[in-house]
Amino acid sequence: MEYLNIILTESALELVPDTLKTKSRSNNHTFLDKSYHSHLMKNLDNIDKRGRPDIVHMSSLSITSTPLYLEKQIKFYIHTISDYVIDFNFGVRLPKSYHRFIGLLEKLFFNYVNDEKSDPLINIYESSFSELITDIKSDHVVGLSRQGETLSSNYLSDTIINSSHPTLLIGGFSHGTFSKNVLGCVDDLISLGNFNLESHTACSRIIYEIEKQNPNFS
């Protein structure tokens, strides 16, 4: 394995929809957040995958704090429910403070929408999930899901470690499973067990298992 792509997939991160802005008393919030907008979200589609930027923050820190990431063997992407992709250069460190993290993303979206110069280490663009997978040119795409086969050490060594650029999909939402569009791009579904793990826990556990099995990792 040269490096591992990790995509925080269908993440619950999106700009407050224009239809809600006029109704919201919290106009100072850039991103849809159930903590502030729950009373406005009742009629939104796909509500279980929306309004949880805190999940994106915790999961991003869980990924970027691991030895595998710090050794620049993880290429990290956030794919949002509204089909934006945030592409991080190898080894980019993210703010541990939630408010600083959200401030960073707000600036990224502001610069993108206003066609201004963005952060040279973090790229943002619009892309469907299938387009992202095509661009990555991964040789094997694995999704984490309770509906998958239980993860084994043989699977890790034979399928993930022995691939050149495998891609791991971890849901960036609170409930539910991957959409049909995402599942159509997946080669295998694997499960970390019977527990319904939160996204940030799943990130930490799967990376640790890969680190243990990777002979090139020191």
N, C-alpha and C. Protein backbone atom coordinates (compact mmCIF):
# COMPACT_ATOMS: atom_id res chain seq x y z
N MET A 1 0.83 -1.19 0.00
CA MET A 1 0.00 0.00 0.00
C MET A 1 0.87 1.25 0.00
N GLU A 2 0.78 2.05 -1.06
CA GLU A 2 1.53 3.30 -1.10
C GLU A 2 0.90 4.33 -0.16
N TYR A 3 -0.40 4.44 -0.23
CA TYR A 3 -1.13 5.27 0.73
C TYR A 3 -2.61 4.88 0.67
N LEU A 4 -3.33 5.29 1.70
CA LEU A 4 -4.75 4.97 1.84
C LEU A 4 -5.57 6.25 1.64
N ASN A 5 -6.54 6.20 0.74
CA ASN A 5 -7.51 7.29 0.63
C ASN A 5 -8.61 7.06 1.67
N ILE A 6 -8.95 8.07 2.42
CA ILE A 6 -10.11 8.00 3.31
C ILE A 6 -11.07 9.12 2.92
N ILE A 7 -12.31 8.75 2.66
CA ILE A 7 -13.34 9.73 2.34
C ILE A 7 -14.39 9.71 3.44
N LEU A 8 -14.54 10.82 4.15
CA LEU A 8 -15.66 10.98 5.07
C LEU A 8 -16.87 11.29 4.19
N THR A 9 -17.72 10.30 4.01
CA THR A 9 -18.67 10.25 2.90
C THR A 9 -20.06 10.75 3.29
N GLU A 10 -20.68 11.50 2.38
CA GLU A 10 -22.03 12.07 2.60
C GLU A 10 -22.10 12.78 3.95
N SER A 11 -21.07 13.55 4.22
CA SER A 11 -20.94 14.20 5.52
C SER A 11 -22.04 15.23 5.76
N ALA A 12 -22.45 15.32 7.02
CA ALA A 12 -23.57 16.20 7.41
C ALA A 12 -23.09 17.64 7.56
N LEU A 13 -22.49 18.14 6.49
CA LEU A 13 -21.95 19.50 6.45
C LEU A 13 -22.49 20.18 5.20
N GLU A 14 -23.21 21.27 5.39
CA GLU A 14 -23.74 22.01 4.24
C GLU A 14 -24.07 23.44 4.66
N LEU A 15 -24.04 24.33 3.70
CA LEU A 15 -24.46 25.71 3.94
C LEU A 15 -25.94 25.73 4.27
N VAL A 16 -26.35 26.68 5.10
CA VAL A 16 -27.78 26.82 5.40
C VAL A 16 -28.53 27.07 4.10
N PRO A 17 -29.51 26.23 3.76
CA PRO A 17 -30.25 26.43 2.51
C PRO A 17 -30.92 27.80 2.46
N ASP A 18 -30.98 28.38 1.26
CA ASP A 18 -31.59 29.71 1.11
C ASP A 18 -33.03 29.73 1.61
N THR A 19 -33.74 28.61 1.46
CA THR A 19 -35.14 28.56 1.88
C THR A 19 -35.31 28.69 3.38
N LEU A 20 -34.23 28.41 4.14
CA LEU A 20 -34.31 28.51 5.59
C LEU A 20 -33.74 29.82 6.14
N LYS A 21 -32.95 30.51 5.34
CA LYS A 21 -32.28 31.70 5.84
C LYS A 21 -33.27 32.77 6.31
N THR A 22 -34.35 32.95 5.57
CA THR A 22 -35.31 33.98 5.94
C THR A 22 -36.11 33.61 7.18
N LYS A 23 -36.16 32.31 7.49
CA LYS A 23 -36.93 31.85 8.65
C LYS A 23 -36.07 31.75 9.91
N SER A 24 -34.78 31.73 9.72
CA SER A 24 -33.88 31.47 10.84
C SER A 24 -33.62 32.72 11.66
N ARG A 25 -33.63 32.54 12.97
CA ARG A 25 -33.25 33.64 13.86
C ARG A 25 -31.73 33.64 14.07
N SER A 26 -31.06 32.60 13.55
CA SER A 26 -29.61 32.45 13.75
C SER A 26 -28.89 32.68 12.44
N ASN A 27 -29.01 33.89 11.90
CA ASN A 27 -28.43 34.19 10.60
C ASN A 27 -26.92 34.28 10.63
N ASN A 28 -26.34 34.23 11.83
CA ASN A 28 -24.88 34.29 11.91
C ASN A 28 -24.23 32.93 11.71
N HIS A 29 -25.03 31.88 11.48
CA HIS A 29 -24.49 30.53 11.28
C HIS A 29 -24.41 30.23 9.78
N THR A 30 -23.22 29.86 9.34
CA THR A 30 -23.00 29.55 7.92
C THR A 30 -23.51 28.16 7.58
N PHE A 31 -23.31 27.19 8.48
CA PHE A 31 -23.64 25.80 8.19
C PHE A 31 -24.91 25.37 8.91
N LEU A 32 -25.66 24.52 8.24
CA LEU A 32 -26.87 23.95 8.83
C LEU A 32 -26.47 23.13 10.06
N ASP A 33 -27.11 23.39 11.18
CA ASP A 33 -26.73 22.76 12.44
C ASP A 33 -27.99 22.50 13.26
N LYS A 34 -28.22 21.23 13.59
CA LYS A 34 -29.41 20.88 14.35
C LYS A 34 -29.47 21.57 15.70
N SER A 35 -28.33 21.95 16.23
CA SER A 35 -28.31 22.64 17.52
C SER A 35 -29.03 23.99 17.44
N TYR A 36 -29.06 24.59 16.25
CA TYR A 36 -29.67 25.90 16.08
C TYR A 36 -30.88 25.88 15.15
N HIS A 37 -30.92 24.92 14.23
CA HIS A 37 -31.93 24.95 13.18
C HIS A 37 -32.91 23.77 13.22
N SER A 38 -32.93 23.02 14.29
CA SER A 38 -33.77 21.80 14.33
C SER A 38 -35.24 22.12 14.07
N HIS A 39 -35.72 23.28 14.55
CA HIS A 39 -37.12 23.63 14.37
C HIS A 39 -37.44 23.96 12.91
N LEU A 40 -36.42 24.18 12.10
CA LEU A 40 -36.63 24.51 10.69
C LEU A 40 -36.39 23.32 9.77
N MET A 41 -35.89 22.22 10.32
CA MET A 41 -35.44 21.11 9.48
C MET A 41 -36.47 20.01 9.31
N LYS A 42 -37.63 20.15 9.92
CA LYS A 42 -38.60 19.05 9.95
C LYS A 42 -39.03 18.61 8.56
N ASN A 43 -39.10 19.53 7.62
CA ASN A 43 -39.59 19.19 6.28
C ASN A 43 -38.47 18.96 5.26
N LEU A 44 -37.22 18.96 5.73
CA LEU A 44 -36.11 18.72 4.82
C LEU A 44 -35.99 17.23 4.48
N ASP A 45 -35.58 16.94 3.28
CA ASP A 45 -35.32 15.55 2.88
C ASP A 45 -34.05 15.04 3.55
N ASN A 46 -34.00 13.72 3.74
CA ASN A 46 -32.76 13.08 4.18
C ASN A 46 -32.22 13.68 5.47
N ILE A 47 -33.10 13.94 6.42
CA ILE A 47 -32.73 14.72 7.60
C ILE A 47 -31.67 14.05 8.47
N ASP A 48 -31.58 12.70 8.44
CA ASP A 48 -30.61 11.99 9.26
C ASP A 48 -29.17 12.23 8.82
N LYS A 49 -28.99 12.74 7.61
CA LYS A 49 -27.63 12.99 7.11
C LYS A 49 -27.32 14.48 7.01
N ARG A 50 -28.07 15.29 7.78
CA ARG A 50 -27.90 16.74 7.64
C ARG A 50 -27.78 17.41 9.01
N GLY A 51 -27.07 18.53 9.02
CA GLY A 51 -27.05 19.37 10.20
C GLY A 51 -26.20 18.89 11.35
N ARG A 52 -25.09 18.19 11.07
CA ARG A 52 -24.20 17.74 12.13
C ARG A 52 -22.74 18.03 11.80
N PRO A 53 -22.37 19.29 11.69
CA PRO A 53 -20.96 19.61 11.41
C PRO A 53 -20.02 19.14 12.52
N ASP A 54 -20.55 18.92 13.72
CA ASP A 54 -19.71 18.43 14.82
C ASP A 54 -19.17 17.03 14.53
N ILE A 55 -19.97 16.21 13.82
CA ILE A 55 -19.50 14.87 13.43
C ILE A 55 -18.31 14.99 12.48
N VAL A 56 -18.37 15.94 11.57
CA VAL A 56 -17.28 16.15 10.63
C VAL A 56 -16.01 16.57 11.38
N HIS A 57 -16.17 17.43 12.36
CA HIS A 57 -15.03 17.89 13.13
C HIS A 57 -14.39 16.74 13.90
N MET A 58 -15.18 16.00 14.67
CA MET A 58 -14.63 14.92 15.49
C MET A 58 -14.00 13.83 14.64
N SER A 59 -14.64 13.48 13.54
CA SER A 59 -14.11 12.43 12.67
C SER A 59 -12.83 12.88 11.98
N SER A 60 -12.78 14.13 11.57
CA SER A 60 -11.59 14.66 10.92
C SER A 60 -10.40 14.63 11.87
N LEU A 61 -10.62 15.00 13.13
CA LEU A 61 -9.54 14.94 14.11
C LEU A 61 -9.12 13.51 14.38
N SER A 62 -10.08 12.59 14.42
CA SER A 62 -9.74 11.18 14.66
C SER A 62 -8.86 10.62 13.56
N ILE A 63 -9.07 11.09 12.33
CA ILE A 63 -8.26 10.62 11.19
C ILE A 63 -6.89 11.30 11.19
N THR A 64 -6.88 12.62 11.35
CA THR A 64 -5.64 13.37 11.17
C THR A 64 -4.73 13.36 12.40
N SER A 65 -5.18 12.71 13.48
CA SER A 65 -4.33 12.58 14.68
C SER A 65 -3.63 11.22 14.75
N THR A 66 -3.84 10.36 13.76
CA THR A 66 -3.27 9.02 13.81
C THR A 66 -1.84 9.00 13.27
N PRO A 67 -1.03 8.06 13.75
CA PRO A 67 0.33 7.92 13.20
C PRO A 67 0.35 7.71 11.69
N LEU A 68 -0.59 6.93 11.16
CA LEU A 68 -0.62 6.66 9.72
C LEU A 68 -0.80 7.95 8.93
N TYR A 69 -1.64 8.84 9.42
CA TYR A 69 -1.84 10.12 8.76
C TYR A 69 -0.59 11.00 8.90
N LEU A 70 -0.03 11.03 10.10
CA LEU A 70 1.15 11.87 10.34
C LEU A 70 2.35 11.41 9.53
N GLU A 71 2.37 10.11 9.17
CA GLU A 71 3.43 9.58 8.31
C GLU A 71 3.11 9.80 6.82
N LYS A 72 2.04 10.56 6.56
CA LYS A 72 1.61 10.90 5.20
C LYS A 72 1.28 9.66 4.36
N GLN A 73 0.64 8.72 5.00
CA GLN A 73 0.16 7.53 4.30
C GLN A 73 -1.36 7.50 4.20
N ILE A 74 -1.99 8.63 4.55
CA ILE A 74 -3.44 8.78 4.36
C ILE A 74 -3.69 10.05 3.56
N LYS A 75 -4.47 9.92 2.49
CA LYS A 75 -4.97 11.07 1.73
C LYS A 75 -6.43 11.25 2.13
N PHE A 76 -6.75 12.40 2.72
CA PHE A 76 -8.05 12.61 3.35
C PHE A 76 -8.94 13.54 2.54
N TYR A 77 -10.19 13.11 2.38
CA TYR A 77 -11.20 13.92 1.70
C TYR A 77 -12.47 13.97 2.56
N ILE A 78 -13.13 15.10 2.54
CA ILE A 78 -14.49 15.20 3.06
C ILE A 78 -15.42 15.37 1.86
N HIS A 79 -16.35 14.44 1.72
CA HIS A 79 -17.40 14.57 0.70
C HIS A 79 -18.69 14.91 1.44
N THR A 80 -19.36 16.00 1.07
CA THR A 80 -20.52 16.45 1.82
C THR A 80 -21.83 15.96 1.18
N ILE A 81 -22.87 16.01 1.98
CA ILE A 81 -24.18 15.57 1.52
C ILE A 81 -24.68 16.42 0.35
N SER A 82 -24.14 17.64 0.23
CA SER A 82 -24.54 18.52 -0.86
C SER A 82 -23.56 18.49 -2.04
N ASP A 83 -22.71 17.45 -2.05
CA ASP A 83 -21.79 17.20 -3.17
C ASP A 83 -20.71 18.27 -3.34
N TYR A 84 -20.13 18.66 -2.22
CA TYR A 84 -18.85 19.38 -2.24
C TYR A 84 -17.77 18.41 -1.77
N VAL A 85 -16.57 18.62 -2.26
CA VAL A 85 -15.42 17.83 -1.81
C VAL A 85 -14.38 18.78 -1.23
N ILE A 86 -13.90 18.45 -0.04
CA ILE A 86 -12.79 19.18 0.57
C ILE A 86 -11.60 18.23 0.56
N ASP A 87 -10.57 18.62 -0.15
CA ASP A 87 -9.41 17.78 -0.45
C ASP A 87 -8.20 18.33 0.31
N PHE A 88 -7.69 17.54 1.26
CA PHE A 88 -6.58 17.98 2.11
C PHE A 88 -5.27 17.42 1.58
N ASN A 89 -4.27 18.26 1.48
CA ASN A 89 -2.93 17.79 1.15
C ASN A 89 -2.43 16.83 2.23
N PHE A 90 -1.48 15.99 1.87
CA PHE A 90 -0.92 15.04 2.83
C PHE A 90 -0.38 15.78 4.06
N GLY A 91 -0.78 15.32 5.23
CA GLY A 91 -0.19 15.81 6.48
C GLY A 91 -0.73 17.12 7.00
N VAL A 92 -1.74 17.71 6.35
CA VAL A 92 -2.29 18.97 6.84
C VAL A 92 -2.88 18.78 8.23
N ARG A 93 -2.52 19.67 9.15
CA ARG A 93 -3.05 19.61 10.52
C ARG A 93 -4.28 20.50 10.62
N LEU A 94 -5.27 20.01 11.34
CA LEU A 94 -6.54 20.74 11.46
C LEU A 94 -6.71 21.29 12.87
N PRO A 95 -7.45 22.39 13.01
CA PRO A 95 -7.68 22.96 14.35
C PRO A 95 -8.41 21.98 15.26
N LYS A 96 -7.96 21.88 16.48
CA LYS A 96 -8.63 21.01 17.45
C LYS A 96 -9.87 21.68 18.03
N SER A 97 -9.88 22.99 18.06
CA SER A 97 -11.06 23.73 18.53
C SER A 97 -12.17 23.65 17.48
N TYR A 98 -13.38 23.31 17.92
CA TYR A 98 -14.51 23.22 16.99
C TYR A 98 -14.75 24.55 16.29
N HIS A 99 -14.72 25.64 17.02
CA HIS A 99 -15.03 26.95 16.43
C HIS A 99 -13.96 27.37 15.42
N ARG A 100 -12.71 27.04 15.69
CA ARG A 100 -11.65 27.35 14.72
C ARG A 100 -11.79 26.47 13.48
N PHE A 101 -12.17 25.21 13.68
CA PHE A 101 -12.38 24.30 12.55
C PHE A 101 -13.51 24.81 11.66
N ILE A 102 -14.63 25.18 12.27
CA ILE A 102 -15.76 25.70 11.50
C ILE A 102 -15.36 27.01 10.81
N GLY A 103 -14.57 27.83 11.49
CA GLY A 103 -14.09 29.07 10.87
C GLY A 103 -13.26 28.81 9.63
N LEU A 104 -12.42 27.77 9.69
CA LEU A 104 -11.61 27.39 8.53
C LEU A 104 -12.49 26.97 7.36
N LEU A 105 -13.51 26.15 7.63
CA LEU A 105 -14.40 25.70 6.56
C LEU A 105 -15.25 26.84 6.02
N GLU A 106 -15.68 27.73 6.90
CA GLU A 106 -16.44 28.90 6.44
C GLU A 106 -15.62 29.71 5.44
N LYS A 107 -14.35 29.90 5.76
CA LYS A 107 -13.47 30.67 4.86
C LYS A 107 -13.30 29.95 3.53
N LEU A 108 -13.16 28.61 3.57
CA LEU A 108 -13.02 27.84 2.34
C LEU A 108 -14.25 28.02 1.45
N PHE A 109 -15.45 27.87 2.05
CA PHE A 109 -16.67 28.01 1.26
C PHE A 109 -16.85 29.44 0.76
N PHE A 110 -16.53 30.42 1.60
CA PHE A 110 -16.66 31.83 1.19
C PHE A 110 -15.76 32.11 -0.01
N ASN A 111 -14.51 31.67 0.06
CA ASN A 111 -13.58 31.91 -1.04
C ASN A 111 -14.02 31.20 -2.31
N TYR A 112 -14.56 29.99 -2.15
CA TYR A 112 -15.01 29.24 -3.33
C TYR A 112 -16.20 29.95 -3.99
N VAL A 113 -17.20 30.30 -3.18
CA VAL A 113 -18.42 30.92 -3.71
C VAL A 113 -18.10 32.26 -4.37
N ASN A 114 -17.13 32.99 -3.81
CA ASN A 114 -16.79 34.31 -4.32
C ASN A 114 -15.60 34.29 -5.28
N ASP A 115 -15.19 33.08 -5.67
CA ASP A 115 -14.11 32.90 -6.64
C ASP A 115 -12.84 33.63 -6.21
N GLU A 116 -12.54 33.51 -4.91
CA GLU A 116 -11.32 34.11 -4.39
C GLU A 116 -10.28 33.02 -4.13
N LYS A 117 -9.05 33.45 -3.95
CA LYS A 117 -7.96 32.50 -3.74
C LYS A 117 -8.19 31.69 -2.48
N SER A 118 -7.99 30.38 -2.58
CA SER A 118 -8.24 29.49 -1.46
C SER A 118 -6.93 29.11 -0.78
N ASP A 119 -7.06 28.33 0.28
CA ASP A 119 -5.90 27.82 1.01
C ASP A 119 -5.11 26.89 0.08
N PRO A 120 -3.80 27.09 -0.07
CA PRO A 120 -3.03 26.24 -0.99
C PRO A 120 -2.94 24.78 -0.52
N LEU A 121 -3.21 24.52 0.75
CA LEU A 121 -3.11 23.16 1.28
C LEU A 121 -4.45 22.43 1.33
N ILE A 122 -5.54 23.17 1.10
CA ILE A 122 -6.88 22.58 1.18
C ILE A 122 -7.67 23.07 -0.02
N ASN A 123 -8.14 22.15 -0.82
CA ASN A 123 -8.89 22.49 -2.03
C ASN A 123 -10.36 22.13 -1.84
N ILE A 124 -11.25 22.98 -2.33
CA ILE A 124 -12.68 22.70 -2.27
C ILE A 124 -13.28 22.84 -3.66
N TYR A 125 -14.17 21.93 -4.01
CA TYR A 125 -14.81 21.97 -5.32
C TYR A 125 -16.09 21.16 -5.28
N GLU A 126 -16.93 21.36 -6.27
CA GLU A 126 -18.18 20.61 -6.38
C GLU A 126 -17.94 19.34 -7.18
N SER A 127 -18.47 18.23 -6.70
CA SER A 127 -18.27 16.95 -7.38
C SER A 127 -19.27 15.93 -6.84
N SER A 128 -19.84 15.15 -7.74
CA SER A 128 -20.63 14.01 -7.29
C SER A 128 -19.69 12.97 -6.69
N PHE A 129 -20.25 12.05 -5.94
CA PHE A 129 -19.40 11.04 -5.33
C PHE A 129 -18.74 10.16 -6.39
N SER A 130 -19.49 9.76 -7.40
CA SER A 130 -18.91 8.90 -8.44
C SER A 130 -17.79 9.59 -9.20
N GLU A 131 -17.92 10.90 -9.41
CA GLU A 131 -16.85 11.65 -10.07
C GLU A 131 -15.60 11.68 -9.20
N LEU A 132 -15.79 11.83 -7.89
CA LEU A 132 -14.65 11.83 -6.99
C LEU A 132 -13.92 10.50 -7.04
N ILE A 133 -14.67 9.40 -7.01
CA ILE A 133 -14.05 8.07 -7.05
C ILE A 133 -13.28 7.88 -8.36
N THR A 134 -13.84 8.37 -9.45
CA THR A 134 -13.15 8.27 -10.75
C THR A 134 -11.85 9.07 -10.73
N ASP A 135 -11.89 10.27 -10.15
CA ASP A 135 -10.70 11.12 -10.11
C ASP A 135 -9.60 10.52 -9.24
N ILE A 136 -9.99 9.86 -8.16
CA ILE A 136 -9.00 9.29 -7.24
C ILE A 136 -8.23 8.14 -7.90
N LYS A 137 -8.90 7.42 -8.81
CA LYS A 137 -8.29 6.26 -9.47
C LYS A 137 -7.85 5.19 -8.46
N SER A 138 -8.74 4.90 -7.54
CA SER A 138 -8.46 3.88 -6.53
C SER A 138 -8.54 2.49 -7.15
N ASP A 139 -7.73 1.57 -6.61
CA ASP A 139 -7.79 0.19 -7.12
C ASP A 139 -8.72 -0.70 -6.28
N HIS A 140 -9.24 -0.18 -5.16
CA HIS A 140 -10.22 -0.94 -4.39
C HIS A 140 -10.95 0.00 -3.44
N VAL A 141 -12.28 -0.05 -3.45
CA VAL A 141 -13.10 0.85 -2.63
C VAL A 141 -13.86 0.03 -1.60
N VAL A 142 -13.65 0.37 -0.33
CA VAL A 142 -14.23 -0.37 0.78
C VAL A 142 -15.08 0.57 1.62
N GLY A 143 -16.32 0.18 1.89
CA GLY A 143 -17.19 0.98 2.73
C GLY A 143 -17.38 0.34 4.09
N LEU A 144 -17.34 1.16 5.14
CA LEU A 144 -17.62 0.66 6.49
C LEU A 144 -19.13 0.71 6.72
N SER A 145 -19.71 -0.45 7.06
CA SER A 145 -21.15 -0.52 7.28
C SER A 145 -21.47 -1.73 8.13
N ARG A 146 -22.46 -1.59 9.01
CA ARG A 146 -22.89 -2.74 9.80
C ARG A 146 -23.48 -3.83 8.93
N GLN A 147 -23.84 -3.49 7.70
CA GLN A 147 -24.41 -4.47 6.77
C GLN A 147 -23.33 -5.30 6.08
N GLY A 148 -22.06 -4.97 6.32
CA GLY A 148 -20.98 -5.67 5.63
C GLY A 148 -20.50 -6.90 6.36
N GLU A 149 -19.53 -7.58 5.75
CA GLU A 149 -18.89 -8.73 6.35
C GLU A 149 -17.97 -8.27 7.48
N THR A 150 -17.89 -9.07 8.54
CA THR A 150 -17.05 -8.70 9.68
C THR A 150 -15.58 -8.63 9.25
N LEU A 151 -14.93 -7.57 9.65
CA LEU A 151 -13.53 -7.34 9.28
C LEU A 151 -12.64 -8.44 9.85
N SER A 152 -11.74 -8.94 9.03
CA SER A 152 -10.77 -9.94 9.48
C SER A 152 -9.36 -9.47 9.16
N SER A 153 -8.40 -10.02 9.87
CA SER A 153 -7.00 -9.65 9.61
C SER A 153 -6.58 -10.08 8.21
N ASN A 154 -7.11 -11.19 7.73
CA ASN A 154 -6.79 -11.64 6.37
C ASN A 154 -7.29 -10.65 5.33
N TYR A 155 -8.50 -10.13 5.57
CA TYR A 155 -9.03 -9.15 4.61
C TYR A 155 -8.15 -7.90 4.59
N LEU A 156 -7.75 -7.45 5.75
CA LEU A 156 -6.90 -6.27 5.82
C LEU A 156 -5.60 -6.47 5.06
N SER A 157 -4.94 -7.59 5.31
CA SER A 157 -3.64 -7.82 4.69
C SER A 157 -3.77 -8.14 3.20
N ASP A 158 -4.75 -8.96 2.83
CA ASP A 158 -4.87 -9.41 1.44
C ASP A 158 -5.50 -8.37 0.53
N THR A 159 -6.45 -7.61 1.03
CA THR A 159 -7.23 -6.73 0.17
C THR A 159 -6.86 -5.26 0.31
N ILE A 160 -6.66 -4.80 1.52
CA ILE A 160 -6.36 -3.38 1.71
C ILE A 160 -4.85 -3.12 1.64
N ILE A 161 -4.09 -3.82 2.46
CA ILE A 161 -2.64 -3.58 2.50
C ILE A 161 -1.99 -3.90 1.16
N ASN A 162 -2.49 -4.92 0.46
CA ASN A 162 -1.88 -5.33 -0.81
C ASN A 162 -2.37 -4.52 -2.00
N SER A 163 -3.30 -3.60 -1.78
CA SER A 163 -3.70 -2.68 -2.85
C SER A 163 -2.75 -1.49 -2.85
N SER A 164 -2.59 -0.87 -4.00
CA SER A 164 -1.68 0.26 -4.10
C SER A 164 -2.29 1.53 -3.51
N HIS A 165 -3.53 1.84 -3.94
CA HIS A 165 -4.22 3.04 -3.47
C HIS A 165 -5.66 2.69 -3.08
N PRO A 166 -5.84 1.92 -2.02
CA PRO A 166 -7.21 1.58 -1.61
C PRO A 166 -7.93 2.80 -1.07
N THR A 167 -9.25 2.75 -1.14
CA THR A 167 -10.07 3.84 -0.63
C THR A 167 -11.04 3.31 0.41
N LEU A 168 -11.09 4.00 1.54
CA LEU A 168 -11.96 3.61 2.64
C LEU A 168 -13.03 4.68 2.80
N LEU A 169 -14.30 4.26 2.82
CA LEU A 169 -15.42 5.17 2.99
C LEU A 169 -15.98 5.04 4.40
N ILE A 170 -16.08 6.17 5.08
CA ILE A 170 -16.65 6.20 6.42
C ILE A 170 -17.76 7.26 6.42
N GLY A 171 -18.95 6.88 6.82
CA GLY A 171 -20.07 7.82 6.80
C GLY A 171 -19.87 8.98 7.75
N GLY A 172 -20.09 10.18 7.26
CA GLY A 172 -19.95 11.38 8.08
C GLY A 172 -21.29 11.90 8.56
N PHE A 173 -22.19 10.98 8.92
CA PHE A 173 -23.54 11.34 9.33
C PHE A 173 -23.92 10.55 10.57
N SER A 174 -25.05 10.90 11.18
CA SER A 174 -25.40 10.32 12.49
C SER A 174 -26.19 9.03 12.39
N HIS A 175 -27.05 8.89 11.39
CA HIS A 175 -27.90 7.70 11.28
C HIS A 175 -28.01 7.29 9.82
N GLY A 176 -28.43 6.02 9.63
CA GLY A 176 -28.67 5.55 8.27
C GLY A 176 -27.44 4.89 7.67
N THR A 177 -27.49 4.71 6.36
CA THR A 177 -26.40 4.06 5.66
C THR A 177 -26.11 4.81 4.36
N PHE A 178 -25.14 4.33 3.62
CA PHE A 178 -24.76 5.00 2.38
C PHE A 178 -25.92 4.98 1.38
N SER A 179 -25.98 5.99 0.54
CA SER A 179 -26.98 6.05 -0.51
C SER A 179 -26.66 5.04 -1.61
N LYS A 180 -27.62 4.83 -2.48
CA LYS A 180 -27.42 3.92 -3.61
C LYS A 180 -26.29 4.42 -4.52
N ASN A 181 -26.17 5.72 -4.66
CA ASN A 181 -25.10 6.28 -5.50
C ASN A 181 -23.73 5.89 -4.97
N VAL A 182 -23.58 5.93 -3.63
CA VAL A 182 -22.31 5.55 -3.02
C VAL A 182 -22.11 4.05 -3.11
N LEU A 183 -23.13 3.28 -2.76
CA LEU A 183 -23.01 1.82 -2.78
C LEU A 183 -22.66 1.30 -4.18
N GLY A 184 -23.08 2.03 -5.20
CA GLY A 184 -22.75 1.62 -6.57
C GLY A 184 -21.28 1.75 -6.91
N CYS A 185 -20.53 2.47 -6.09
CA CYS A 185 -19.09 2.65 -6.31
C CYS A 185 -18.24 1.75 -5.42
N VAL A 186 -18.87 0.96 -4.55
CA VAL A 186 -18.17 0.19 -3.54
C VAL A 186 -17.86 -1.22 -4.03
N ASP A 187 -16.63 -1.67 -3.80
CA ASP A 187 -16.27 -3.06 -4.12
C ASP A 187 -16.66 -4.01 -2.99
N ASP A 188 -16.44 -3.59 -1.74
CA ASP A 188 -16.76 -4.42 -0.57
C ASP A 188 -17.33 -3.55 0.54
N LEU A 189 -18.22 -4.16 1.33
CA LEU A 189 -18.68 -3.56 2.58
C LEU A 189 -18.12 -4.39 3.72
N ILE A 190 -17.52 -3.73 4.71
CA ILE A 190 -17.00 -4.44 5.87
C ILE A 190 -17.57 -3.81 7.14
N SER A 191 -17.66 -4.63 8.17
CA SER A 191 -18.23 -4.20 9.43
C SER A 191 -17.19 -4.33 10.54
N LEU A 192 -17.24 -3.41 11.50
CA LEU A 192 -16.36 -3.47 12.66
C LEU A 192 -17.03 -4.19 13.84
N GLY A 193 -18.19 -4.78 13.60
CA GLY A 193 -18.88 -5.53 14.66
C GLY A 193 -20.33 -5.15 14.75
N ASN A 194 -20.97 -5.62 15.79
CA ASN A 194 -22.41 -5.43 15.94
C ASN A 194 -22.81 -4.09 16.55
N PHE A 195 -21.82 -3.37 17.08
CA PHE A 195 -22.14 -2.09 17.71
C PHE A 195 -22.33 -1.01 16.66
N ASN A 196 -23.25 -0.09 16.95
CA ASN A 196 -23.47 1.05 16.07
C ASN A 196 -22.50 2.16 16.47
N LEU A 197 -21.29 2.07 15.96
CA LEU A 197 -20.23 3.00 16.38
C LEU A 197 -20.45 4.38 15.78
N GLU A 198 -20.11 5.41 16.56
CA GLU A 198 -20.11 6.76 16.02
C GLU A 198 -18.96 6.89 15.02
N SER A 199 -19.12 7.84 14.11
CA SER A 199 -18.17 7.96 13.00
C SER A 199 -16.74 8.14 13.48
N HIS A 200 -16.52 9.00 14.46
CA HIS A 200 -15.15 9.26 14.89
C HIS A 200 -14.51 8.02 15.53
N THR A 201 -15.32 7.20 16.20
CA THR A 201 -14.81 5.96 16.78
C THR A 201 -14.45 4.97 15.68
N ALA A 202 -15.31 4.87 14.68
CA ALA A 202 -15.04 3.97 13.55
C ALA A 202 -13.75 4.39 12.84
N CYS A 203 -13.53 5.69 12.68
CA CYS A 203 -12.31 6.18 12.04
C CYS A 203 -11.07 5.70 12.79
N SER A 204 -11.07 5.91 14.10
CA SER A 204 -9.91 5.54 14.91
C SER A 204 -9.65 4.05 14.88
N ARG A 205 -10.72 3.25 15.00
CA ARG A 205 -10.54 1.80 15.10
C ARG A 205 -10.04 1.19 13.79
N ILE A 206 -10.59 1.60 12.66
CA ILE A 206 -10.18 0.99 11.40
C ILE A 206 -8.74 1.40 11.05
N ILE A 207 -8.37 2.63 11.34
CA ILE A 207 -7.00 3.06 11.05
C ILE A 207 -6.01 2.29 11.93
N TYR A 208 -6.36 2.09 13.19
CA TYR A 208 -5.48 1.34 14.09
C TYR A 208 -5.30 -0.09 13.59
N GLU A 209 -6.36 -0.72 13.13
CA GLU A 209 -6.26 -2.09 12.61
C GLU A 209 -5.36 -2.13 11.37
N ILE A 210 -5.46 -1.12 10.52
CA ILE A 210 -4.62 -1.07 9.32
C ILE A 210 -3.17 -0.85 9.70
N GLU A 211 -2.92 0.01 10.68
CA GLU A 211 -1.56 0.25 11.14
C GLU A 211 -0.92 -1.04 11.65
N LYS A 212 -1.67 -1.83 12.38
CA LYS A 212 -1.13 -3.09 12.93
C LYS A 212 -0.76 -4.08 11.82
N GLN A 213 -1.49 -4.04 10.72
CA GLN A 213 -1.29 -5.02 9.64
C GLN A 213 -0.33 -4.56 8.57
N ASN A 214 0.03 -3.30 8.57
CA ASN A 214 0.83 -2.73 7.48
C ASN A 214 2.32 -2.95 7.74
N PRO A 215 2.99 -3.83 7.00
CA PRO A 215 4.40 -4.11 7.23
C PRO A 215 5.31 -2.94 6.92
N ASN A 216 4.82 -1.97 6.12
CA ASN A 216 5.65 -0.82 5.76
C ASN A 216 5.52 0.32 6.75
N PHE A 217 4.67 0.12 7.76
CA PHE A 217 4.43 1.20 8.71
C PHE A 217 5.30 0.99 9.95
N SER A 218 6.00 2.05 10.34
CA SER A 218 6.88 1.93 11.51
C SER A 218 6.40 2.86 12.60
